[in-house]
N, C-alpha and C. Protein backbone atom coordinates (compact mmCIF):
# COMPACT_ATOMS: atom_id res chain seq x y z
N MET A 1 -3.72 -18.67 -2.87
CA MET A 1 -3.87 -17.66 -3.88
C MET A 1 -3.78 -16.26 -3.26
N ILE A 2 -2.98 -15.39 -3.85
CA ILE A 2 -2.80 -14.02 -3.36
C ILE A 2 -3.86 -13.13 -3.99
N ASP A 3 -4.56 -12.38 -3.14
CA ASP A 3 -5.62 -11.48 -3.61
C ASP A 3 -5.42 -10.13 -2.93
N ILE A 4 -5.11 -9.09 -3.72
CA ILE A 4 -4.93 -7.75 -3.18
C ILE A 4 -6.17 -6.93 -3.51
N LYS A 5 -6.74 -6.33 -2.48
CA LYS A 5 -7.95 -5.52 -2.66
C LYS A 5 -7.69 -4.11 -2.16
N TYR A 6 -8.21 -3.16 -2.92
CA TYR A 6 -8.15 -1.76 -2.53
C TYR A 6 -9.46 -1.42 -1.83
N GLU A 7 -9.36 -0.92 -0.60
CA GLU A 7 -10.54 -0.56 0.18
C GLU A 7 -10.55 0.95 0.39
N LYS A 8 -11.12 1.66 -0.56
CA LYS A 8 -11.15 3.13 -0.49
C LYS A 8 -11.80 3.62 0.79
N GLU A 9 -12.89 2.97 1.19
CA GLU A 9 -13.62 3.39 2.38
C GLU A 9 -12.81 3.24 3.67
N ASN A 10 -11.79 2.40 3.62
CA ASN A 10 -10.94 2.17 4.80
C ASN A 10 -9.54 2.75 4.62
N ASN A 11 -9.31 3.46 3.51
CA ASN A 11 -8.01 4.07 3.21
C ASN A 11 -6.88 3.05 3.29
N ARG A 12 -7.06 1.94 2.60
CA ARG A 12 -6.01 0.92 2.65
C ARG A 12 -6.12 -0.05 1.48
N ALA A 13 -4.99 -0.74 1.28
CA ALA A 13 -4.96 -1.91 0.40
C ALA A 13 -4.69 -3.08 1.34
N VAL A 14 -5.31 -4.19 1.07
CA VAL A 14 -5.15 -5.36 1.95
C VAL A 14 -4.89 -6.58 1.09
N VAL A 15 -4.09 -7.49 1.61
CA VAL A 15 -3.79 -8.72 0.88
C VAL A 15 -4.34 -9.92 1.65
N TYR A 16 -4.96 -10.80 0.86
CA TYR A 16 -5.50 -12.05 1.41
C TYR A 16 -4.79 -13.21 0.72
N ILE A 17 -4.46 -14.20 1.50
CA ILE A 17 -3.95 -15.46 0.95
C ILE A 17 -4.86 -16.56 1.48
N ASN A 18 -5.49 -17.26 0.56
CA ASN A 18 -6.48 -18.27 0.91
C ASN A 18 -7.54 -17.71 1.86
N ASN A 19 -8.04 -16.53 1.54
CA ASN A 19 -9.09 -15.83 2.29
C ASN A 19 -8.68 -15.39 3.69
N LYS A 20 -7.38 -15.41 3.99
CA LYS A 20 -6.87 -14.94 5.29
C LYS A 20 -6.12 -13.63 5.06
N GLU A 21 -6.48 -12.59 5.84
CA GLU A 21 -5.79 -11.31 5.72
C GLU A 21 -4.38 -11.45 6.28
N VAL A 22 -3.38 -11.12 5.44
CA VAL A 22 -1.99 -11.29 5.88
C VAL A 22 -1.16 -10.01 5.76
N GLY A 23 -1.78 -8.92 5.28
CA GLY A 23 -1.03 -7.67 5.19
C GLY A 23 -1.90 -6.51 4.78
N GLU A 24 -1.36 -5.29 5.05
CA GLU A 24 -2.10 -4.10 4.66
C GLU A 24 -1.15 -2.93 4.45
N CYS A 25 -1.62 -1.96 3.70
CA CYS A 25 -0.94 -0.69 3.48
C CYS A 25 -1.99 0.38 3.70
N VAL A 26 -1.75 1.25 4.69
CA VAL A 26 -2.75 2.23 5.12
C VAL A 26 -2.27 3.64 4.81
N TYR A 27 -3.19 4.50 4.39
CA TYR A 27 -2.84 5.88 4.10
C TYR A 27 -3.84 6.84 4.74
N GLU A 28 -3.38 8.08 4.94
CA GLU A 28 -4.22 9.17 5.42
C GLU A 28 -4.53 10.09 4.25
N VAL A 29 -5.71 10.67 4.25
CA VAL A 29 -6.12 11.58 3.19
C VAL A 29 -5.96 13.02 3.67
N GLY A 30 -5.23 13.82 2.88
CA GLY A 30 -5.07 15.24 3.15
C GLY A 30 -5.58 16.04 1.97
N ASP A 31 -5.24 17.30 1.93
CA ASP A 31 -5.65 18.17 0.83
C ASP A 31 -4.94 17.75 -0.46
N ASN A 32 -5.61 16.93 -1.27
CA ASN A 32 -5.09 16.46 -2.55
C ASN A 32 -3.85 15.59 -2.42
N VAL A 33 -3.54 15.13 -1.20
CA VAL A 33 -2.36 14.28 -0.96
C VAL A 33 -2.74 13.09 -0.10
N TRP A 34 -2.26 11.93 -0.49
CA TRP A 34 -2.39 10.74 0.35
C TRP A 34 -1.03 10.46 0.96
N ASN A 35 -1.00 10.20 2.26
CA ASN A 35 0.24 9.88 2.97
C ASN A 35 0.17 8.44 3.46
N ILE A 36 1.03 7.59 2.91
CA ILE A 36 1.08 6.20 3.36
C ILE A 36 1.74 6.19 4.74
N ILE A 37 1.00 5.69 5.73
CA ILE A 37 1.48 5.74 7.11
C ILE A 37 1.91 4.39 7.67
N HIS A 38 1.50 3.31 7.01
CA HIS A 38 1.81 1.98 7.58
C HIS A 38 1.73 0.91 6.50
N THR A 39 2.73 0.07 6.47
CA THR A 39 2.72 -1.11 5.59
C THR A 39 3.20 -2.29 6.43
N GLU A 40 2.45 -3.36 6.40
CA GLU A 40 2.82 -4.53 7.20
C GLU A 40 2.35 -5.81 6.52
N VAL A 41 3.20 -6.84 6.60
CA VAL A 41 2.87 -8.16 6.10
C VAL A 41 3.21 -9.16 7.20
N ASP A 42 2.33 -10.10 7.43
CA ASP A 42 2.55 -11.15 8.43
C ASP A 42 3.92 -11.78 8.19
N SER A 43 4.66 -12.02 9.25
CA SER A 43 6.03 -12.52 9.14
C SER A 43 6.13 -13.83 8.36
N THR A 44 5.10 -14.63 8.38
CA THR A 44 5.09 -15.90 7.63
C THR A 44 5.19 -15.67 6.13
N TYR A 45 4.73 -14.50 5.66
CA TYR A 45 4.64 -14.23 4.23
C TYR A 45 5.63 -13.16 3.76
N GLN A 46 6.52 -12.74 4.61
CA GLN A 46 7.50 -11.72 4.23
C GLN A 46 8.52 -12.28 3.25
N GLY A 47 9.14 -11.38 2.48
CA GLY A 47 10.16 -11.79 1.53
C GLY A 47 9.62 -12.27 0.20
N GLN A 48 8.33 -12.07 -0.04
CA GLN A 48 7.70 -12.52 -1.29
C GLN A 48 7.27 -11.35 -2.17
N GLY A 49 7.64 -10.13 -1.79
CA GLY A 49 7.27 -8.96 -2.58
C GLY A 49 5.85 -8.48 -2.35
N ILE A 50 5.20 -8.98 -1.32
CA ILE A 50 3.81 -8.61 -1.06
C ILE A 50 3.69 -7.15 -0.63
N ALA A 51 4.57 -6.69 0.24
CA ALA A 51 4.52 -5.30 0.71
C ALA A 51 4.65 -4.34 -0.47
N LYS A 52 5.53 -4.63 -1.38
CA LYS A 52 5.71 -3.78 -2.56
C LYS A 52 4.43 -3.74 -3.39
N LYS A 53 3.78 -4.88 -3.55
CA LYS A 53 2.53 -4.94 -4.31
C LYS A 53 1.44 -4.11 -3.63
N LEU A 54 1.42 -4.11 -2.30
CA LEU A 54 0.45 -3.30 -1.58
C LEU A 54 0.68 -1.81 -1.82
N VAL A 55 1.94 -1.39 -1.73
CA VAL A 55 2.28 0.02 -1.98
C VAL A 55 1.94 0.38 -3.43
N GLU A 56 2.25 -0.50 -4.36
CA GLU A 56 1.94 -0.24 -5.77
C GLU A 56 0.43 -0.11 -6.00
N CYS A 57 -0.36 -0.85 -5.25
CA CYS A 57 -1.82 -0.76 -5.34
C CYS A 57 -2.28 0.63 -4.92
N ILE A 58 -1.70 1.16 -3.85
CA ILE A 58 -2.05 2.51 -3.40
C ILE A 58 -1.61 3.54 -4.44
N ILE A 59 -0.40 3.36 -4.99
CA ILE A 59 0.10 4.27 -6.02
C ILE A 59 -0.86 4.30 -7.21
N GLU A 60 -1.25 3.14 -7.68
CA GLU A 60 -2.15 3.03 -8.83
C GLU A 60 -3.48 3.74 -8.56
N ASN A 61 -4.02 3.57 -7.38
CA ASN A 61 -5.30 4.20 -7.06
C ASN A 61 -5.17 5.70 -6.82
N ALA A 62 -4.04 6.13 -6.30
CA ALA A 62 -3.80 7.58 -6.15
C ALA A 62 -3.77 8.24 -7.53
N LYS A 63 -3.14 7.57 -8.49
CA LYS A 63 -3.10 8.10 -9.86
C LYS A 63 -4.50 8.20 -10.44
N LYS A 64 -5.32 7.17 -10.22
CA LYS A 64 -6.70 7.17 -10.73
C LYS A 64 -7.50 8.33 -10.14
N GLU A 65 -7.21 8.65 -8.89
CA GLU A 65 -7.95 9.71 -8.18
C GLU A 65 -7.28 11.08 -8.34
N ASN A 66 -6.18 11.14 -9.11
CA ASN A 66 -5.41 12.37 -9.30
C ASN A 66 -4.92 12.97 -7.99
N LYS A 67 -4.42 12.11 -7.10
CA LYS A 67 -3.89 12.54 -5.81
C LYS A 67 -2.37 12.42 -5.82
N LYS A 68 -1.73 13.34 -5.13
CA LYS A 68 -0.28 13.23 -4.93
C LYS A 68 -0.07 12.23 -3.81
N LEU A 69 1.13 11.69 -3.76
CA LEU A 69 1.42 10.64 -2.79
C LEU A 69 2.70 10.94 -2.05
N THR A 70 2.67 10.73 -0.75
CA THR A 70 3.85 10.86 0.08
C THR A 70 3.82 9.68 1.06
N ALA A 71 4.90 9.51 1.81
CA ALA A 71 4.94 8.39 2.75
C ALA A 71 5.70 8.76 4.01
N SER A 72 5.07 8.55 5.14
CA SER A 72 5.79 8.63 6.41
C SER A 72 6.20 7.22 6.84
N CYS A 73 5.63 6.21 6.20
CA CYS A 73 6.04 4.81 6.40
C CYS A 73 7.39 4.62 5.72
N SER A 74 8.37 4.17 6.47
CA SER A 74 9.73 4.07 5.92
C SER A 74 9.82 3.13 4.72
N TYR A 75 9.10 2.02 4.75
CA TYR A 75 9.16 1.08 3.62
C TYR A 75 8.53 1.71 2.38
N ALA A 76 7.35 2.30 2.53
CA ALA A 76 6.67 2.91 1.39
C ALA A 76 7.49 4.05 0.82
N LYS A 77 8.18 4.77 1.68
CA LYS A 77 9.03 5.88 1.23
C LYS A 77 10.12 5.37 0.29
N ILE A 78 10.72 4.26 0.62
CA ILE A 78 11.77 3.65 -0.22
C ILE A 78 11.18 3.23 -1.57
N VAL A 79 10.00 2.61 -1.57
CA VAL A 79 9.36 2.19 -2.81
C VAL A 79 9.06 3.40 -3.69
N LEU A 80 8.51 4.45 -3.10
CA LEU A 80 8.21 5.66 -3.87
C LEU A 80 9.47 6.28 -4.46
N GLU A 81 10.52 6.35 -3.68
CA GLU A 81 11.80 6.93 -4.16
C GLU A 81 12.36 6.13 -5.32
N ARG A 82 12.29 4.81 -5.24
CA ARG A 82 12.80 3.96 -6.33
C ARG A 82 11.98 4.12 -7.60
N LEU A 83 10.69 4.27 -7.46
CA LEU A 83 9.82 4.39 -8.62
C LEU A 83 9.92 5.77 -9.26
N ASN A 84 10.33 6.78 -8.50
CA ASN A 84 10.45 8.14 -9.03
C ASN A 84 11.81 8.45 -9.61
N LYS A 85 12.71 7.49 -9.66
CA LYS A 85 14.04 7.72 -10.22
C LYS A 85 14.01 7.62 -11.71
């Protein structure tokens, strides 16, 4: 079972499959801006759309907190660009 959790205190979203951590999306907090700096999914679980779901979790929470979002992580940058078209 896939379980994505937002950990505000750790500035990240994390994904668990059968209670095992298999991926994360990490961001830095700036002046009213969150910068996604890293997205990673264990190679065993890649190709299932998990990384995109992690980035979307950060996007959703940034909106709730009224924060702007940017990405220095190349993968997250692509996801943000596609969603802003």
